[in-house]
Amino acid sequence: MGRTELVIIMAVILFLVFLLGWGGHVLFHRFNRVDTSNVAELDHMASALHEAEETRDEAIAYMQGREAELTGQLGQTGAELQAAMDGLGEARREAAELRAYIEANS
């Protein structure tokens, strides 16, 4: 086998490998092609996801505001309870003092 025959055989092999790669590329893209209906569906899914994220963000903001409001109300209610308990304790002390005074003077 001479040098010329070797060059021709190598050229034929490289050309066949090129054709095989090109054919594989064409088949790969034919089977993995995205149809227009799939693109429309993907667009619809993207818009639905965007709306869901906006709704989630609004819900989180509402819940944080509501939590702050309820925390404030709880603090206010606790302060009112403490004031009522202090008033009740003072009233009981006065009642006990009055009973003791009445018993002492009776």
PDB file of N, CA and C in Angstrom:
ATOM      1  N   MET A   1       0.857  -1.159   0.000  1.00  0.00           N
ATOM      2  CA  MET A   1       0.000   0.000   0.000  1.00  0.00           C
ATOM      3  C   MET A   1       0.903   1.222   0.000  1.00  0.00           C
ATOM      4  N   GLY A   2       0.618   2.085  -0.969  1.00  0.00           N
ATOM      5  CA  GLY A   2       1.455   3.258  -1.121  1.00  0.00           C
ATOM      6  C   GLY A   2       0.920   4.443  -0.333  1.00  0.00           C
ATOM      7  N   ARG A   3       1.692   5.476  -0.418  1.00  0.00           N
ATOM      8  CA  ARG A   3       1.351   6.693   0.321  1.00  0.00           C
ATOM      9  C   ARG A   3       0.075   7.300  -0.220  1.00  0.00           C
ATOM     10  N   THR A   4      -0.138   7.292  -1.509  1.00  0.00           N
ATOM     11  CA  THR A   4      -1.321   7.881  -2.124  1.00  0.00           C
ATOM     12  C   THR A   4      -2.576   7.116  -1.717  1.00  0.00           C
ATOM     13  N   GLU A   5      -2.492   5.789  -1.705  1.00  0.00           N
ATOM     14  CA  GLU A   5      -3.652   4.994  -1.313  1.00  0.00           C
ATOM     15  C   GLU A   5      -4.006   5.260   0.159  1.00  0.00           C
ATOM     16  N   LEU A   6      -3.008   5.398   0.990  1.00  0.00           N
ATOM     17  CA  LEU A   6      -3.242   5.687   2.407  1.00  0.00           C
ATOM     18  C   LEU A   6      -3.927   7.037   2.590  1.00  0.00           C
ATOM     19  N   VAL A   7      -3.514   8.035   1.834  1.00  0.00           N
ATOM     20  CA  VAL A   7      -4.131   9.358   1.910  1.00  0.00           C
ATOM     21  C   VAL A   7      -5.572   9.284   1.445  1.00  0.00           C
ATOM     22  N   ILE A   8      -5.849   8.531   0.381  1.00  0.00           N
ATOM     23  CA  ILE A   8      -7.223   8.419  -0.143  1.00  0.00           C
ATOM     24  C   ILE A   8      -8.098   7.685   0.878  1.00  0.00           C
ATOM     25  N   ILE A   9      -7.599   6.606   1.471  1.00  0.00           N
ATOM     26  CA  ILE A   9      -8.371   5.858   2.461  1.00  0.00           C
ATOM     27  C   ILE A   9      -8.664   6.744   3.684  1.00  0.00           C
ATOM     28  N   MET A  10      -7.666   7.498   4.146  1.00  0.00           N
ATOM     29  CA  MET A  10      -7.872   8.407   5.283  1.00  0.00           C
ATOM     30  C   MET A  10      -8.903   9.478   4.945  1.00  0.00           C
ATOM     31  N   ALA A  11      -8.851  10.012   3.709  1.00  0.00           N
ATOM     32  CA  ALA A  11      -9.809  11.030   3.287  1.00  0.00           C
ATOM     33  C   ALA A  11     -11.215  10.453   3.254  1.00  0.00           C
ATOM     34  N   VAL A  12     -11.369   9.228   2.734  1.00  0.00           N
ATOM     35  CA  VAL A  12     -12.685   8.585   2.686  1.00  0.00           C
ATOM     36  C   VAL A  12     -13.200   8.341   4.109  1.00  0.00           C
ATOM     37  N   ILE A  13     -12.337   7.864   5.004  1.00  0.00           N
ATOM     38  CA  ILE A  13     -12.747   7.611   6.395  1.00  0.00           C
ATOM     39  C   ILE A  13     -13.162   8.916   7.077  1.00  0.00           C
ATOM     40  N   LEU A  14     -12.385   9.966   6.897  1.00  0.00           N
ATOM     41  CA  LEU A  14     -12.749  11.255   7.495  1.00  0.00           C
ATOM     42  C   LEU A  14     -14.058  11.787   6.920  1.00  0.00           C
ATOM     43  N   PHE A  15     -14.284  11.598   5.628  1.00  0.00           N
ATOM     44  CA  PHE A  15     -15.534  12.045   5.017  1.00  0.00           C
ATOM     45  C   PHE A  15     -16.713  11.251   5.565  1.00  0.00           C
ATOM     46  N   LEU A  16     -16.549   9.933   5.752  1.00  0.00           N
ATOM     47  CA  LEU A  16     -17.620   9.117   6.323  1.00  0.00           C
ATOM     48  C   LEU A  16     -17.911   9.518   7.769  1.00  0.00           C
ATOM     49  N   VAL A  17     -16.865   9.803   8.530  1.00  0.00           N
ATOM     50  CA  VAL A  17     -17.066  10.265   9.908  1.00  0.00           C
ATOM     51  C   VAL A  17     -17.795  11.607   9.914  1.00  0.00           C
ATOM     52  N   PHE A  18     -17.442  12.495   8.978  1.00  0.00           N
ATOM     53  CA  PHE A  18     -18.137  13.774   8.865  1.00  0.00           C
ATOM     54  C   PHE A  18     -19.610  13.555   8.547  1.00  0.00           C
ATOM     55  N   LEU A  19     -19.911  12.683   7.587  1.00  0.00           N
ATOM     56  CA  LEU A  19     -21.303  12.400   7.229  1.00  0.00           C
ATOM     57  C   LEU A  19     -22.058  11.786   8.407  1.00  0.00           C
ATOM     58  N   LEU A  20     -21.409  10.887   9.111  1.00  0.00           N
ATOM     59  CA  LEU A  20     -22.038  10.275  10.281  1.00  0.00           C
ATOM     60  C   LEU A  20     -22.354  11.321  11.353  1.00  0.00           C
ATOM     61  N   GLY A  21     -21.437  12.226  11.627  1.00  0.00           N
ATOM     62  CA  GLY A  21     -21.670  13.292  12.609  1.00  0.00           C
ATOM     63  C   GLY A  21     -22.762  14.245  12.174  1.00  0.00           C
ATOM     64  N   TRP A  22     -22.739  14.581  10.890  1.00  0.00           N
ATOM     65  CA  TRP A  22     -23.776  15.486  10.372  1.00  0.00           C
ATOM     66  C   TRP A  22     -25.136  14.834  10.438  1.00  0.00           C
ATOM     67  N   GLY A  23     -25.216  13.559  10.077  1.00  0.00           N
ATOM     68  CA  GLY A  23     -26.488  12.827  10.152  1.00  0.00           C
ATOM     69  C   GLY A  23     -26.982  12.718  11.583  1.00  0.00           C
ATOM     70  N   GLY A  24     -26.075  12.460  12.511  1.00  0.00           N
ATOM     71  CA  GLY A  24     -26.468  12.416  13.916  1.00  0.00           C
ATOM     72  C   GLY A  24     -26.984  13.758  14.403  1.00  0.00           C
ATOM     73  N   HIS A  25     -26.351  14.821  13.971  1.00  0.00           N
ATOM     74  CA  HIS A  25     -26.787  16.170  14.336  1.00  0.00           C
ATOM     75  C   HIS A  25     -28.198  16.439  13.821  1.00  0.00           C
ATOM     76  N   VAL A  26     -28.451  16.080  12.555  1.00  0.00           N
ATOM     77  CA  VAL A  26     -29.777  16.294  11.969  1.00  0.00           C
ATOM     78  C   VAL A  26     -30.828  15.483  12.711  1.00  0.00           C
ATOM     79  N   LEU A  27     -30.545  14.218  12.979  1.00  0.00           N
ATOM     80  CA  LEU A  27     -31.505  13.381  13.702  1.00  0.00           C
ATOM     81  C   LEU A  27     -31.756  13.907  15.109  1.00  0.00           C
ATOM     82  N   PHE A  28     -30.710  14.314  15.790  1.00  0.00           N
ATOM     83  CA  PHE A  28     -30.858  14.839  17.146  1.00  0.00           C
ATOM     84  C   PHE A  28     -31.778  16.056  17.167  1.00  0.00           C
ATOM     85  N   HIS A  29     -31.565  16.978  16.238  1.00  0.00           N
ATOM     86  CA  HIS A  29     -32.393  18.185  16.221  1.00  0.00           C
ATOM     87  C   HIS A  29     -33.791  17.918  15.710  1.00  0.00           C
ATOM     88  N   ARG A  30     -33.973  16.912  14.897  1.00  0.00           N
ATOM     89  CA  ARG A  30     -35.315  16.577  14.426  1.00  0.00           C
ATOM     90  C   ARG A  30     -36.142  15.997  15.561  1.00  0.00           C
ATOM     91  N   PHE A  31     -35.528  15.156  16.389  1.00  0.00           N
ATOM     92  CA  PHE A  31     -36.272  14.550  17.491  1.00  0.00           C
ATOM     93  C   PHE A  31     -36.450  15.496  18.667  1.00  0.00           C
ATOM     94  N   ASN A  32     -35.582  16.446  18.825  1.00  0.00           N
ATOM     95  CA  ASN A  32     -35.656  17.371  19.953  1.00  0.00           C
ATOM     96  C   ASN A  32     -36.195  18.736  19.560  1.00  0.00           C
ATOM     97  N   ARG A  33     -36.842  18.824  18.442  1.00  0.00           N
ATOM     98  CA  ARG A  33     -37.381  20.088  17.962  1.00  0.00           C
ATOM     99  C   ARG A  33     -38.560  20.513  18.837  1.00  0.00           C
ATOM    100  N   VAL A  34     -38.663  21.796  19.129  1.00  0.00           N
ATOM    101  CA  VAL A  34     -39.751  22.339  19.938  1.00  0.00           C
ATOM    102  C   VAL A  34     -40.829  22.856  18.985  1.00  0.00           C
ATOM    103  N   ASP A  35     -42.041  22.327  19.134  1.00  0.00           N
ATOM    104  CA  ASP A  35     -43.157  22.767  18.293  1.00  0.00           C
ATOM    105  C   ASP A  35     -43.687  24.109  18.765  1.00  0.00           C
ATOM    106  N   THR A  36     -44.435  24.782  17.902  1.00  0.00           N
ATOM    107  CA  THR A  36     -45.001  26.082  18.281  1.00  0.00           C
ATOM    108  C   THR A  36     -46.038  25.920  19.385  1.00  0.00           C
ATOM    109  N   SER A  37     -46.745  24.772  19.402  1.00  0.00           N
ATOM    110  CA  SER A  37     -47.723  24.553  20.474  1.00  0.00           C
ATOM    111  C   SER A  37     -47.004  24.424  21.816  1.00  0.00           C
ATOM    112  N   ASN A  38     -45.837  23.794  21.809  1.00  0.00           N
ATOM    113  CA  ASN A  38     -45.067  23.679  23.048  1.00  0.00           C
ATOM    114  C   ASN A  38     -44.557  25.038  23.506  1.00  0.00           C
ATOM    115  N   VAL A  39     -44.172  25.885  22.568  1.00  0.00           N
ATOM    116  CA  VAL A  39     -43.706  27.223  22.926  1.00  0.00           C
ATOM    117  C   VAL A  39     -44.847  28.023  23.539  1.00  0.00           C
ATOM    118  N   ALA A  40     -46.041  27.909  22.945  1.00  0.00           N
ATOM    119  CA  ALA A  40     -47.197  28.619  23.498  1.00  0.00           C
ATOM    120  C   ALA A  40     -47.521  28.109  24.899  1.00  0.00           C
ATOM    121  N   GLU A  41     -47.421  26.803  25.082  1.00  0.00           N
ATOM    122  CA  GLU A  41     -47.684  26.232  26.400  1.00  0.00           C
ATOM    123  C   GLU A  41     -46.637  26.695  27.414  1.00  0.00           C
ATOM    124  N   LEU A  42     -45.380  26.760  26.992  1.00  0.00           N
ATOM    125  CA  LEU A  42     -44.334  27.247  27.881  1.00  0.00           C
ATOM    126  C   LEU A  42     -44.553  28.716  28.248  1.00  0.00           C
ATOM    127  N   ASP A  43     -44.990  29.515  27.281  1.00  0.00           N
ATOM    128  CA  ASP A  43     -45.296  30.923  27.572  1.00  0.00           C
ATOM    129  C   ASP A  43     -46.436  31.032  28.571  1.00  0.00           C
ATOM    130  N   HIS A  44     -47.456  30.195  28.383  1.00  0.00           N
ATOM    131  CA  HIS A  44     -48.595  30.213  29.302  1.00  0.00           C
ATOM    132  C   HIS A  44     -48.152  29.802  30.707  1.00  0.00           C
ATOM    133  N   MET A  45     -47.319  28.771  30.792  1.00  0.00           N
ATOM    134  CA  MET A  45     -46.826  28.326  32.089  1.00  0.00           C
ATOM    135  C   MET A  45     -45.962  29.399  32.741  1.00  0.00           C
ATOM    136  N   ALA A  46     -45.166  30.102  31.953  1.00  0.00           N
ATOM    137  CA  ALA A  46     -44.326  31.166  32.506  1.00  0.00           C
ATOM    138  C   ALA A  46     -45.170  32.299  33.056  1.00  0.00           C
ATOM    139  N   SER A  47     -46.222  32.681  32.323  1.00  0.00           N
ATOM    140  CA  SER A  47     -47.081  33.764  32.812  1.00  0.00           C
ATOM    141  C   SER A  47     -47.845  33.326  34.058  1.00  0.00           C
ATOM    142  N   ALA A  48     -48.289  32.071  34.086  1.00  0.00           N
ATOM    143  CA  ALA A  48     -48.989  31.571  35.277  1.00  0.00           C
ATOM    144  C   ALA A  48     -48.052  31.548  36.481  1.00  0.00           C
ATOM    145  N   LEU A  49     -46.809  31.156  36.256  1.00  0.00           N
ATOM    146  CA  LEU A  49     -45.831  31.150  37.344  1.00  0.00           C
ATOM    147  C   LEU A  49     -45.573  32.565  37.849  1.00  0.00           C
ATOM    148  N   HIS A  50     -45.475  33.517  36.929  1.00  0.00           N
ATOM    149  CA  HIS A  50     -45.245  34.909  37.316  1.00  0.00           C
ATOM    150  C   HIS A  50     -46.416  35.424  38.157  1.00  0.00           C
ATOM    151  N   GLU A  51     -47.642  35.124  37.740  1.00  0.00           N
ATOM    152  CA  GLU A  51     -48.817  35.550  38.507  1.00  0.00           C
ATOM    153  C   GLU A  51     -48.833  34.897  39.884  1.00  0.00           C
ATOM    154  N   ALA A  52     -48.461  33.618  39.948  1.00  0.00           N
ATOM    155  CA  ALA A  52     -48.442  32.922  41.235  1.00  0.00           C
ATOM    156  C   ALA A  52     -47.393  33.530  42.163  1.00  0.00           C
ATOM    157  N   GLU A  53     -46.244  33.909  41.617  1.00  0.00           N
ATOM    158  CA  GLU A  53     -45.216  34.541  42.445  1.00  0.00           C
ATOM    159  C   GLU A  53     -45.682  35.897  42.958  1.00  0.00           C
ATOM    160  N   GLU A  54     -46.383  36.661  42.113  1.00  0.00           N
ATOM    161  CA  GLU A  54     -46.911  37.959  42.560  1.00  0.00           C
ATOM    162  C   GLU A  54     -47.942  37.759  43.666  1.00  0.00           C
ATOM    163  N   THR A  55     -48.815  36.772  43.497  1.00  0.00           N
ATOM    164  CA  THR A  55     -49.829  36.486  44.507  1.00  0.00           C
ATOM    165  C   THR A  55     -49.179  36.067  45.814  1.00  0.00           C
ATOM    166  N   ARG A  56     -48.133  35.238  45.713  1.00  0.00           N
ATOM    167  CA  ARG A  56     -47.412  34.809  46.906  1.00  0.00           C
ATOM    168  C   ARG A  56     -46.782  36.004  47.616  1.00  0.00           C
ATOM    169  N   ASP A  57     -46.169  36.904  46.857  1.00  0.00           N
ATOM    170  CA  ASP A  57     -45.541  38.083  47.458  1.00  0.00           C
ATOM    171  C   ASP A  57     -46.580  38.965  48.143  1.00  0.00           C
ATOM    172  N   GLU A  58     -47.756  39.124  47.510  1.00  0.00           N
ATOM    173  CA  GLU A  58     -48.825  39.913  48.121  1.00  0.00           C
ATOM    174  C   GLU A  58     -49.310  39.251  49.411  1.00  0.00           C
ATOM    175  N   ALA A  59     -49.436  37.919  49.387  1.00  0.00           N
ATOM    176  CA  ALA A  59     -49.896  37.202  50.580  1.00  0.00           C
ATOM    177  C   ALA A  59     -48.879  37.332  51.703  1.00  0.00           C
ATOM    178  N   ILE A  60     -47.607  37.247  51.373  1.00  0.00           N
ATOM    179  CA  ILE A  60     -46.569  37.391  52.401  1.00  0.00           C
ATOM    180  C   ILE A  60     -46.607  38.794  53.005  1.00  0.00           C
ATOM    181  N   ALA A  61     -46.765  39.804  52.153  1.00  0.00           N
ATOM    182  CA  ALA A  61     -46.830  41.182  52.656  1.00  0.00           C
ATOM    183  C   ALA A  61     -48.058  41.372  53.547  1.00  0.00           C
ATOM    184  N   TYR A  62     -49.205  40.802  53.139  1.00  0.00           N
ATOM    185  CA  TYR A  62     -50.422  40.907  53.937  1.00  0.00           C
ATOM    186  C   TYR A  62     -50.234  40.223  55.290  1.00  0.00           C
ATOM    187  N   MET A  63     -49.642  39.017  55.266  1.00  0.00           N
ATOM    188  CA  MET A  63     -49.447  38.282  56.508  1.00  0.00           C
ATOM    189  C   MET A  63     -48.491  39.006  57.444  1.00  0.00           C
ATOM    190  N   GLN A  64     -47.459  39.626  56.912  1.00  0.00           N
ATOM    191  CA  GLN A  64     -46.529  40.364  57.759  1.00  0.00           C
ATOM    192  C   GLN A  64     -47.219  41.579  58.378  1.00  0.00           C
ATOM    193  N   GLY A  65     -48.028  42.278  57.595  1.00  0.00           N
ATOM    194  CA  GLY A  65     -48.769  43.414  58.133  1.00  0.00           C
ATOM    195  C   GLY A  65     -49.766  42.984  59.192  1.00  0.00           C
ATOM    196  N   ARG A  66     -50.458  41.877  58.916  1.00  0.00           N
ATOM    197  CA  ARG A  66     -51.448  41.368  59.872  1.00  0.00           C
ATOM    198  C   ARG A  66     -50.762  40.905  61.164  1.00  0.00           C
ATOM    199  N   GLU A  67     -49.606  40.269  61.017  1.00  0.00           N
ATOM    200  CA  GLU A  67     -48.863  39.815  62.195  1.00  0.00           C
ATOM    201  C   GLU A  67     -48.426  41.003  63.053  1.00  0.00           C
ATOM    202  N   ALA A  68     -47.959  42.072  62.407  1.00  0.00           N
ATOM    203  CA  ALA A  68     -47.552  43.260  63.153  1.00  0.00           C
ATOM    204  C   ALA A  68     -48.754  43.875  63.875  1.00  0.00           C
ATOM    205  N   GLU A  69     -49.896  43.922  63.190  1.00  0.00           N
ATOM    206  CA  GLU A  69     -51.109  44.471  63.796  1.00  0.00           C
ATOM    207  C   GLU A  69     -51.541  43.641  64.999  1.00  0.00           C
ATOM    208  N   LEU A  70     -51.538  42.312  64.853  1.00  0.00           N
ATOM    209  CA  LEU A  70     -51.960  41.449  65.953  1.00  0.00           C
ATOM    210  C   LEU A  70     -50.964  41.491  67.115  1.00  0.00           C
ATOM    211  N   THR A  71     -49.682  41.633  66.808  1.00  0.00           N
ATOM    212  CA  THR A  71     -48.681  41.762  67.869  1.00  0.00           C
ATOM    213  C   THR A  71     -48.925  43.037  68.663  1.00  0.00           C
ATOM    214  N   GLY A  72     -49.251  44.118  67.968  1.00  0.00           N
ATOM    215  CA  GLY A  72     -49.572  45.373  68.645  1.00  0.00           C
ATOM    216  C   GLY A  72     -50.810  45.236  69.518  1.00  0.00           C
ATOM    217  N   GLN A  73     -51.844  44.573  68.970  1.00  0.00           N
ATOM    218  CA  GLN A  73     -53.063  44.369  69.750  1.00  0.00           C
ATOM    219  C   GLN A  73     -52.795  43.495  70.976  1.00  0.00           C
ATOM    220  N   LEU A  74     -51.960  42.488  70.804  1.00  0.00           N
ATOM    221  CA  LEU A  74     -51.640  41.618  71.928  1.00  0.00           C
ATOM    222  C   LEU A  74     -50.902  42.391  73.018  1.00  0.00           C
ATOM    223  N   GLY A  75     -49.980  43.238  72.625  1.00  0.00           N
ATOM    224  CA  GLY A  75     -49.270  44.060  73.607  1.00  0.00           C
ATOM    225  C   GLY A  75     -50.208  45.004  74.329  1.00  0.00           C
ATOM    226  N   GLN A  76     -51.131  45.601  73.579  1.00  0.00           N
ATOM    227  CA  GLN A  76     -52.104  46.515  74.187  1.00  0.00           C
ATOM    228  C   GLN A  76     -53.023  45.764  75.143  1.00  0.00           C
ATOM    229  N   THR A  77     -53.472  44.591  74.729  1.00  0.00           N
ATOM    230  CA  THR A  77     -54.351  43.792  75.585  1.00  0.00           C
ATOM    231  C   THR A  77     -53.622  43.359  76.845  1.00  0.00           C
ATOM    232  N   GLY A  78     -52.347  43.000  76.700  1.00  0.00           N
ATOM    233  CA  GLY A  78     -51.562  42.631  77.884  1.00  0.00           C
ATOM    234  C   GLY A  78     -51.427  43.795  78.844  1.00  0.00           C
ATOM    235  N   ALA A  79     -51.208  44.998  78.311  1.00  0.00           N
ATOM    236  CA  ALA A  79     -51.100  46.180  79.174  1.00  0.00           C
ATOM    237  C   ALA A  79     -52.428  46.461  79.867  1.00  0.00           C
ATOM    238  N   GLU A  80     -53.549  46.312  79.135  1.00  0.00           N
ATOM    239  CA  GLU A  80     -54.864  46.529  79.750  1.00  0.00           C
ATOM    240  C   GLU A  80     -55.135  45.495  80.828  1.00  0.00           C
ATOM    241  N   LEU A  81     -54.736  44.242  80.586  1.00  0.00           N
ATOM    242  CA  LEU A  81     -54.925  43.195  81.584  1.00  0.00           C
ATOM    243  C   LEU A  81     -54.116  43.495  82.836  1.00  0.00           C
ATOM    244  N   GLN A  82     -52.901  43.922  82.641  1.00  0.00           N
ATOM    245  CA  GLN A  82     -52.048  44.248  83.796  1.00  0.00           C
ATOM    246  C   GLN A  82     -52.650  45.403  84.601  1.00  0.00           C
ATOM    247  N   ALA A  83     -53.172  46.423  83.894  1.00  0.00           N
ATOM    248  CA  ALA A  83     -53.804  47.556  84.580  1.00  0.00           C
ATOM    249  C   ALA A  83     -55.044  47.089  85.339  1.00  0.00           C
ATOM    250  N   ALA A  84     -55.831  46.192  84.720  1.00  0.00           N
ATOM    251  CA  ALA A  84     -57.033  45.688  85.392  1.00  0.00           C
ATOM    252  C   ALA A  84     -56.662  44.868  86.620  1.00  0.00           C
ATOM    253  N   MET A  85     -55.623  44.044  86.472  1.00  0.00           N
ATOM    254  CA  MET A  85     -55.191  43.240  87.619  1.00  0.00           C
ATOM    255  C   MET A  85     -54.664  44.133  88.743  1.00  0.00           C
ATOM    256  N   ASP A  86     -53.939  45.183  88.404  1.00  0.00           N
ATOM    257  CA  ASP A  86     -53.455  46.122  89.424  1.00  0.00           C
ATOM    258  C   ASP A  86     -54.629  46.809  90.115  1.00  0.00           C
ATOM    259  N   GLY A  87     -55.630  47.215  89.316  1.00  0.00           N
ATOM    260  CA  GLY A  87     -56.817  47.853  89.891  1.00  0.00           C
ATOM    261  C   GLY A  87     -57.586  46.901  90.794  1.00  0.00           C
ATOM    262  N   LEU A  88     -57.698  45.634  90.359  1.00  0.00           N
ATOM    263  CA  LEU A  88     -58.399  44.641  91.171  1.00  0.00           C
ATOM    264  C   LEU A  88     -57.649  44.390  92.489  1.00  0.00           C
ATOM    265  N   GLY A  89     -56.342  44.306  92.412  1.00  0.00           N
ATOM    266  CA  GLY A  89     -55.547  44.109  93.636  1.00  0.00           C
ATOM    267  C   GLY A  89     -55.704  45.272  94.596  1.00  0.00           C
ATOM    268  N   GLU A  90     -55.706  46.484  94.044  1.00  0.00           N
ATOM    269  CA  GLU A  90     -55.886  47.678  94.887  1.00  0.00           C
ATOM    270  C   GLU A  90     -57.273  47.677  95.521  1.00  0.00           C
ATOM    271  N   ALA A  91     -58.300  47.288  94.731  1.00  0.00           N
ATOM    272  CA  ALA A  91     -59.663  47.245  95.274  1.00  0.00           C
ATOM    273  C   ALA A  91     -59.765  46.204  96.381  1.00  0.00           C
ATOM    274  N   ARG A  92     -59.115  45.054  96.221  1.00  0.00           N
ATOM    275  CA  ARG A  92     -59.154  44.031  97.265  1.00  0.00           C
ATOM    276  C   ARG A  92     -58.461  44.523  98.539  1.00  0.00           C
ATOM    277  N   ARG A  93     -57.357  45.230  98.360  1.00  0.00           N
ATOM    278  CA  ARG A  93     -56.659  45.768  99.533  1.00  0.00           C
ATOM    279  C   ARG A  93     -57.541  46.788 100.263  1.00  0.00           C
ATOM    280  N   GLU A  94     -58.196  47.648  99.502  1.00  0.00           N
ATOM    281  CA  GLU A  94     -59.090  48.632 100.131  1.00  0.00           C
ATOM    282  C   GLU A  94     -60.244  47.958 100.842  1.00  0.00           C
ATOM    283  N   ALA A  95     -60.794  46.896 100.201  1.00  0.00           N
ATOM    284  CA  ALA A  95     -61.907  46.170 100.829  1.00  0.00           C
ATOM    285  C   ALA A  95     -61.440  45.511 102.121  1.00  0.00           C
ATOM    286  N   ALA A  96     -60.245  44.951 102.086  1.00  0.00           N
ATOM    287  CA  ALA A  96     -59.716  44.306 103.308  1.00  0.00           C
ATOM    288  C   ALA A  96     -59.482  45.352 104.395  1.00  0.00           C
ATOM    289  N   GLU A  97     -58.976  46.535 104.013  1.00  0.00           N
ATOM    290  CA  GLU A  97     -58.767  47.593 104.995  1.00  0.00           C
ATOM    291  C   GLU A  97     -60.094  48.070 105.581  1.00  0.00           C
ATOM    292  N   LEU A  98     -61.103  48.214 104.723  1.00  0.00           N
ATOM    293  CA  LEU A  98     -62.420  48.654 105.210  1.00  0.00           C
ATOM    294  C   LEU A  98     -63.031  47.620 106.139  1.00  0.00           C
ATOM    295  N   ARG A  99     -62.900  46.337 105.798  1.00  0.00           N
ATOM    296  CA  ARG A  99     -63.436  45.279 106.673  1.00  0.00           C
ATOM    297  C   ARG A  99     -62.724  45.328 108.039  1.00  0.00           C
ATOM    298  N   ALA A 100     -61.412  45.482 107.968  1.00  0.00           N
ATOM    299  CA  ALA A 100     -60.650  45.551 109.226  1.00  0.00           C
ATOM    300  C   ALA A 100     -61.068  46.774 110.024  1.00  0.00           C
ATOM    301  N   TYR A 101     -61.300  47.902 109.406  1.00  0.00           N
ATOM    302  CA  TYR A 101     -61.731  49.130 110.096  1.00  0.00           C
ATOM    303  C   TYR A 101     -63.109  48.962 110.702  1.00  0.00           C
ATOM    304  N   ILE A 102     -64.019  48.320 109.903  1.00  0.00           N
ATOM    305  CA  ILE A 102     -65.380  48.129 110.413  1.00  0.00           C
ATOM    306  C   ILE A 102     -65.366  47.160 111.590  1.00  0.00           C
ATOM    307  N   GLU A 103     -64.589  46.087 111.508  1.00  0.00           N
ATOM    308  CA  GLU A 103     -64.526  45.135 112.612  1.00  0.00           C
ATOM    309  C   GLU A 103     -63.876  45.767 113.855  1.00  0.00           C
ATOM    310  N   ALA A 104     -62.914  46.649 113.603  1.00  0.00           N
ATOM    311  CA  ALA A 104     -62.246  47.286 114.729  1.00  0.00           C
ATOM    312  C   ALA A 104     -63.181  48.269 115.421  1.00  0.00           C
ATOM    313  N   ASN A 105     -64.043  48.933 114.681  1.00  0.00           N
ATOM    314  CA  ASN A 105     -64.963  49.918 115.271  1.00  0.00           C
ATOM    315  C   ASN A 105     -66.286  49.323 115.721  1.00  0.00           C
ATOM    316  N   SER A 106     -66.532  48.089 115.407  1.00  0.00           N
ATOM    317  CA  SER A 106     -67.808  47.483 115.806  1.00  0.00           C
ATOM    318  C   SER A 106     -67.804  46.959 117.204  1.00  0.00           C
TER     319      SER A 106
END
